[in-house]
N, C-alpha and C. Protein backbone atom coordinates (compact mmCIF):
# COMPACT_ATOMS: atom_id res chain seq x y z
N GLY A 1 -3.60 -25.49 -32.19
CA GLY A 1 -2.31 -24.95 -31.87
C GLY A 1 -2.26 -24.39 -30.47
N HIS A 2 -1.16 -23.80 -30.17
CA HIS A 2 -0.90 -23.24 -28.84
C HIS A 2 -1.86 -22.10 -28.51
N PHE A 3 -2.21 -21.30 -29.51
CA PHE A 3 -3.09 -20.16 -29.29
C PHE A 3 -4.51 -20.46 -29.75
N GLY A 4 -5.07 -21.51 -29.23
CA GLY A 4 -6.41 -21.92 -29.60
C GLY A 4 -7.47 -21.20 -28.79
N PHE A 5 -8.69 -21.66 -28.95
CA PHE A 5 -9.84 -21.05 -28.30
C PHE A 5 -9.69 -21.00 -26.78
N GLU A 6 -9.26 -22.10 -26.16
CA GLU A 6 -9.13 -22.14 -24.70
C GLU A 6 -8.09 -21.13 -24.20
N TRP A 7 -7.00 -20.96 -24.94
CA TRP A 7 -5.99 -19.98 -24.56
C TRP A 7 -6.58 -18.57 -24.59
N TYR A 8 -7.25 -18.23 -25.69
CA TYR A 8 -7.87 -16.90 -25.81
C TYR A 8 -8.93 -16.68 -24.73
N LYS A 9 -9.72 -17.70 -24.46
CA LYS A 9 -10.74 -17.60 -23.43
C LYS A 9 -10.10 -17.32 -22.08
N GLY A 10 -9.00 -17.97 -21.78
CA GLY A 10 -8.29 -17.75 -20.52
C GLY A 10 -7.71 -16.35 -20.42
N VAL A 11 -7.13 -15.86 -21.51
CA VAL A 11 -6.57 -14.50 -21.52
C VAL A 11 -7.67 -13.47 -21.31
N LEU A 12 -8.78 -13.62 -22.03
CA LEU A 12 -9.88 -12.67 -21.88
C LEU A 12 -10.47 -12.70 -20.48
N ALA A 13 -10.56 -13.86 -19.88
CA ALA A 13 -11.08 -13.97 -18.51
C ALA A 13 -10.16 -13.25 -17.53
N ARG A 14 -8.84 -13.43 -17.68
CA ARG A 14 -7.90 -12.75 -16.78
C ARG A 14 -7.93 -11.24 -16.99
N LEU A 15 -8.06 -10.80 -18.23
CA LEU A 15 -8.16 -9.37 -18.50
C LEU A 15 -9.43 -8.79 -17.88
N HIS A 16 -10.55 -9.50 -18.02
CA HIS A 16 -11.81 -9.03 -17.47
C HIS A 16 -11.74 -8.88 -15.95
N VAL A 17 -11.14 -9.82 -15.30
CA VAL A 17 -11.07 -9.82 -13.83
C VAL A 17 -10.10 -8.76 -13.32
N ASN A 18 -9.02 -8.48 -14.06
CA ASN A 18 -7.96 -7.60 -13.57
C ASN A 18 -7.95 -6.21 -14.18
N ALA A 19 -8.90 -5.87 -15.04
CA ALA A 19 -8.91 -4.56 -15.69
C ALA A 19 -9.66 -3.54 -14.83
N PHE A 20 -9.22 -2.31 -14.92
CA PHE A 20 -9.84 -1.19 -14.22
C PHE A 20 -10.38 -0.22 -15.26
N LYS A 21 -11.56 0.36 -14.96
CA LYS A 21 -12.16 1.32 -15.88
C LYS A 21 -11.40 2.64 -15.81
N VAL A 22 -11.04 3.17 -16.98
CA VAL A 22 -10.37 4.46 -17.08
C VAL A 22 -11.42 5.50 -17.44
N GLN A 23 -11.55 6.50 -16.58
CA GLN A 23 -12.51 7.57 -16.86
C GLN A 23 -12.08 8.82 -16.10
N PRO A 24 -12.54 9.99 -16.54
CA PRO A 24 -12.23 11.22 -15.79
C PRO A 24 -12.75 11.11 -14.37
N PRO A 25 -12.16 11.88 -13.44
CA PRO A 25 -12.49 11.73 -12.02
C PRO A 25 -13.88 12.18 -11.61
N ASN A 26 -14.60 12.94 -12.43
CA ASN A 26 -15.96 13.33 -12.03
C ASN A 26 -16.86 13.42 -13.25
N LEU A 27 -18.16 13.46 -13.02
CA LEU A 27 -19.14 13.42 -14.10
C LEU A 27 -19.00 14.59 -15.06
N ALA A 28 -18.75 15.79 -14.55
CA ALA A 28 -18.62 16.96 -15.42
C ALA A 28 -17.45 16.77 -16.39
N ASP A 29 -16.33 16.25 -15.88
CA ASP A 29 -15.18 16.00 -16.76
C ASP A 29 -15.49 14.90 -17.75
N LEU A 30 -16.23 13.88 -17.31
CA LEU A 30 -16.59 12.78 -18.19
C LEU A 30 -17.45 13.29 -19.35
N LEU A 31 -18.45 14.12 -19.05
CA LEU A 31 -19.35 14.64 -20.08
C LEU A 31 -18.64 15.60 -21.02
N ALA A 32 -17.66 16.36 -20.51
CA ALA A 32 -16.96 17.36 -21.32
C ALA A 32 -15.75 16.77 -22.05
N SER A 33 -15.37 15.56 -21.70
CA SER A 33 -14.13 14.98 -22.23
C SER A 33 -14.27 14.57 -23.68
N THR A 34 -13.23 14.87 -24.43
CA THR A 34 -13.13 14.37 -25.80
C THR A 34 -12.20 13.17 -25.84
N LYS A 35 -11.57 12.87 -24.70
CA LYS A 35 -10.68 11.72 -24.62
C LYS A 35 -11.51 10.46 -24.40
N PRO A 36 -11.16 9.39 -25.07
CA PRO A 36 -11.91 8.15 -24.85
C PRO A 36 -11.60 7.55 -23.50
N SER A 37 -12.58 6.91 -22.91
CA SER A 37 -12.31 6.13 -21.71
C SER A 37 -12.14 4.69 -22.16
N GLY A 38 -11.69 3.86 -21.29
CA GLY A 38 -11.45 2.47 -21.65
C GLY A 38 -11.10 1.67 -20.43
N SER A 39 -10.25 0.68 -20.61
CA SER A 39 -9.81 -0.19 -19.54
C SER A 39 -8.30 -0.23 -19.51
N ALA A 40 -7.77 -0.50 -18.32
CA ALA A 40 -6.33 -0.62 -18.15
C ALA A 40 -6.04 -1.80 -17.24
N VAL A 41 -5.01 -2.54 -17.55
CA VAL A 41 -4.53 -3.61 -16.68
C VAL A 41 -3.33 -3.04 -15.93
N LEU A 42 -3.48 -2.91 -14.62
CA LEU A 42 -2.48 -2.28 -13.77
C LEU A 42 -2.05 -3.26 -12.69
N PRO A 43 -0.90 -3.92 -12.87
CA PRO A 43 -0.48 -4.91 -11.87
C PRO A 43 -0.42 -4.36 -10.45
N ALA A 44 0.03 -3.11 -10.27
CA ALA A 44 0.12 -2.54 -8.92
C ALA A 44 -1.26 -2.46 -8.28
N ALA A 45 -2.27 -2.09 -9.04
CA ALA A 45 -3.63 -2.00 -8.50
C ALA A 45 -4.25 -3.37 -8.32
N ALA A 46 -4.01 -4.26 -9.26
CA ALA A 46 -4.60 -5.60 -9.19
C ALA A 46 -4.08 -6.40 -8.01
N MET A 47 -2.91 -6.05 -7.51
CA MET A 47 -2.33 -6.79 -6.39
C MET A 47 -2.72 -6.20 -5.04
N MET A 48 -3.42 -5.06 -5.03
CA MET A 48 -3.86 -4.47 -3.76
C MET A 48 -5.07 -5.23 -3.24
N GLN A 49 -5.26 -5.18 -1.94
CA GLN A 49 -6.39 -5.85 -1.31
C GLN A 49 -7.67 -5.06 -1.54
N HIS A 50 -8.80 -5.78 -1.63
CA HIS A 50 -10.11 -5.16 -1.80
C HIS A 50 -10.76 -4.88 -0.45
N SER A 51 -11.52 -3.79 -0.41
CA SER A 51 -12.38 -3.50 0.73
C SER A 51 -13.62 -2.79 0.21
N CYS A 52 -14.76 -3.09 0.80
CA CYS A 52 -15.99 -2.33 0.47
C CYS A 52 -15.96 -0.95 1.12
N ALA A 53 -15.02 -0.73 2.02
CA ALA A 53 -14.79 0.59 2.63
C ALA A 53 -13.30 0.90 2.46
N PRO A 54 -12.86 1.16 1.23
CA PRO A 54 -11.42 1.32 0.96
C PRO A 54 -10.86 2.61 1.55
N ASN A 55 -9.54 2.61 1.81
CA ASN A 55 -8.88 3.82 2.29
C ASN A 55 -8.08 4.51 1.19
N THR A 56 -8.12 3.95 0.00
CA THR A 56 -7.39 4.47 -1.16
C THR A 56 -8.27 4.37 -2.39
N MET A 57 -8.17 5.36 -3.27
CA MET A 57 -8.90 5.33 -4.53
C MET A 57 -7.91 5.30 -5.69
N LEU A 58 -8.28 4.60 -6.72
CA LEU A 58 -7.52 4.58 -7.97
C LEU A 58 -8.11 5.66 -8.85
N MET A 59 -7.30 6.66 -9.22
CA MET A 59 -7.79 7.79 -10.01
C MET A 59 -7.03 7.90 -11.32
N PHE A 60 -7.74 8.33 -12.35
CA PHE A 60 -7.16 8.64 -13.65
C PHE A 60 -7.43 10.13 -13.90
N PRO A 61 -6.58 11.03 -13.39
CA PRO A 61 -6.89 12.46 -13.43
C PRO A 61 -7.03 13.04 -14.83
N GLU A 62 -6.39 12.46 -15.81
CA GLU A 62 -6.47 12.98 -17.17
C GLU A 62 -7.23 12.04 -18.11
N ALA A 63 -7.86 11.02 -17.57
CA ALA A 63 -8.59 10.02 -18.38
C ALA A 63 -7.68 9.43 -19.44
N ASP A 64 -6.44 9.18 -19.05
CA ASP A 64 -5.49 8.53 -19.96
C ASP A 64 -4.81 7.41 -19.19
N ALA A 65 -3.64 7.01 -19.60
CA ALA A 65 -2.95 5.89 -18.95
C ALA A 65 -2.26 6.28 -17.65
N THR A 66 -2.29 7.56 -17.29
CA THR A 66 -1.67 8.01 -16.06
C THR A 66 -2.63 7.78 -14.89
N PHE A 67 -2.16 7.06 -13.88
CA PHE A 67 -3.03 6.81 -12.73
C PHE A 67 -2.34 7.19 -11.44
N GLN A 68 -3.15 7.39 -10.42
CA GLN A 68 -2.65 7.72 -9.09
C GLN A 68 -3.46 6.95 -8.06
N PHE A 69 -2.80 6.61 -6.96
CA PHE A 69 -3.51 6.14 -5.78
C PHE A 69 -3.68 7.34 -4.87
N VAL A 70 -4.91 7.63 -4.47
CA VAL A 70 -5.20 8.79 -3.64
C VAL A 70 -5.84 8.29 -2.35
N ALA A 71 -5.32 8.75 -1.21
CA ALA A 71 -5.88 8.36 0.08
C ALA A 71 -7.29 8.94 0.22
N SER A 72 -8.23 8.11 0.64
CA SER A 72 -9.60 8.57 0.86
C SER A 72 -9.90 8.72 2.35
N THR A 73 -8.96 8.34 3.18
CA THR A 73 -9.05 8.52 4.63
C THR A 73 -7.66 8.91 5.13
N ASP A 74 -7.58 9.33 6.38
CA ASP A 74 -6.27 9.60 6.98
C ASP A 74 -5.52 8.28 7.11
N LEU A 75 -4.25 8.28 6.73
CA LEU A 75 -3.42 7.08 6.80
C LEU A 75 -2.23 7.33 7.72
N ALA A 76 -1.84 6.29 8.43
CA ALA A 76 -0.64 6.35 9.26
C ALA A 76 0.43 5.49 8.61
N ALA A 77 1.67 5.77 8.92
CA ALA A 77 2.77 4.97 8.40
C ALA A 77 2.52 3.50 8.74
N GLY A 78 2.66 2.64 7.76
CA GLY A 78 2.48 1.21 7.98
C GLY A 78 1.07 0.70 7.74
N ASP A 79 0.09 1.59 7.53
CA ASP A 79 -1.28 1.15 7.23
C ASP A 79 -1.31 0.40 5.91
N GLU A 80 -2.06 -0.69 5.87
CA GLU A 80 -2.26 -1.40 4.60
C GLU A 80 -3.23 -0.59 3.75
N LEU A 81 -2.94 -0.53 2.45
CA LEU A 81 -3.80 0.21 1.53
C LEU A 81 -4.82 -0.73 0.91
N PHE A 82 -6.06 -0.27 0.84
CA PHE A 82 -7.15 -1.04 0.25
C PHE A 82 -7.81 -0.21 -0.84
N ILE A 83 -8.20 -0.86 -1.92
CA ILE A 83 -9.02 -0.23 -2.95
C ILE A 83 -10.29 -1.06 -3.10
N SER A 84 -11.25 -0.51 -3.80
CA SER A 84 -12.47 -1.25 -4.08
C SER A 84 -12.39 -1.77 -5.51
N TYR A 85 -12.65 -3.04 -5.70
CA TYR A 85 -12.68 -3.63 -7.04
C TYR A 85 -14.03 -3.40 -7.71
N ILE A 86 -14.97 -2.89 -6.97
CA ILE A 86 -16.35 -2.78 -7.45
C ILE A 86 -16.86 -1.36 -7.25
N ASP A 87 -18.05 -1.11 -7.74
CA ASP A 87 -18.72 0.17 -7.48
C ASP A 87 -19.46 0.02 -6.16
N GLU A 88 -18.88 0.56 -5.09
CA GLU A 88 -19.47 0.36 -3.76
C GLU A 88 -20.73 1.16 -3.54
N THR A 89 -21.15 1.99 -4.51
CA THR A 89 -22.42 2.71 -4.39
C THR A 89 -23.60 1.82 -4.77
N GLN A 90 -23.34 0.67 -5.40
CA GLN A 90 -24.41 -0.27 -5.74
C GLN A 90 -24.87 -0.99 -4.48
N GLY A 91 -26.08 -1.48 -4.49
CA GLY A 91 -26.61 -2.24 -3.38
C GLY A 91 -25.90 -3.57 -3.22
N VAL A 92 -26.10 -4.19 -2.07
CA VAL A 92 -25.43 -5.45 -1.76
C VAL A 92 -25.74 -6.53 -2.80
N ALA A 93 -26.99 -6.64 -3.21
CA ALA A 93 -27.39 -7.67 -4.19
C ALA A 93 -26.63 -7.50 -5.51
N ALA A 94 -26.49 -6.27 -5.97
CA ALA A 94 -25.79 -6.01 -7.24
C ALA A 94 -24.30 -6.29 -7.13
N ARG A 95 -23.73 -6.10 -5.92
CA ARG A 95 -22.29 -6.31 -5.73
C ARG A 95 -21.94 -7.77 -5.60
N GLN A 96 -22.90 -8.59 -5.19
CA GLN A 96 -22.60 -10.01 -5.00
C GLN A 96 -23.05 -10.74 -6.19
């Protein structure tokens, strides 16, 4: 049928590539949190450009579905915003 194995495989692949990890903003909050973390598909974030030195961070201040883009550097009017799709603290080999 229309919703066969290949369809599900395609949906899961797109979700995997476009999902962002939801977690409290710092380790202390993560360890103290009773709220579950998970994944979120955010079209606004998925459409932003990637940089290994981003000028914007995607934050989940309450470890829920509420998200914010927070500047990580000084920005001027008209600057393009970049986020990191990866954990940039990992070494080059792990990121590639």
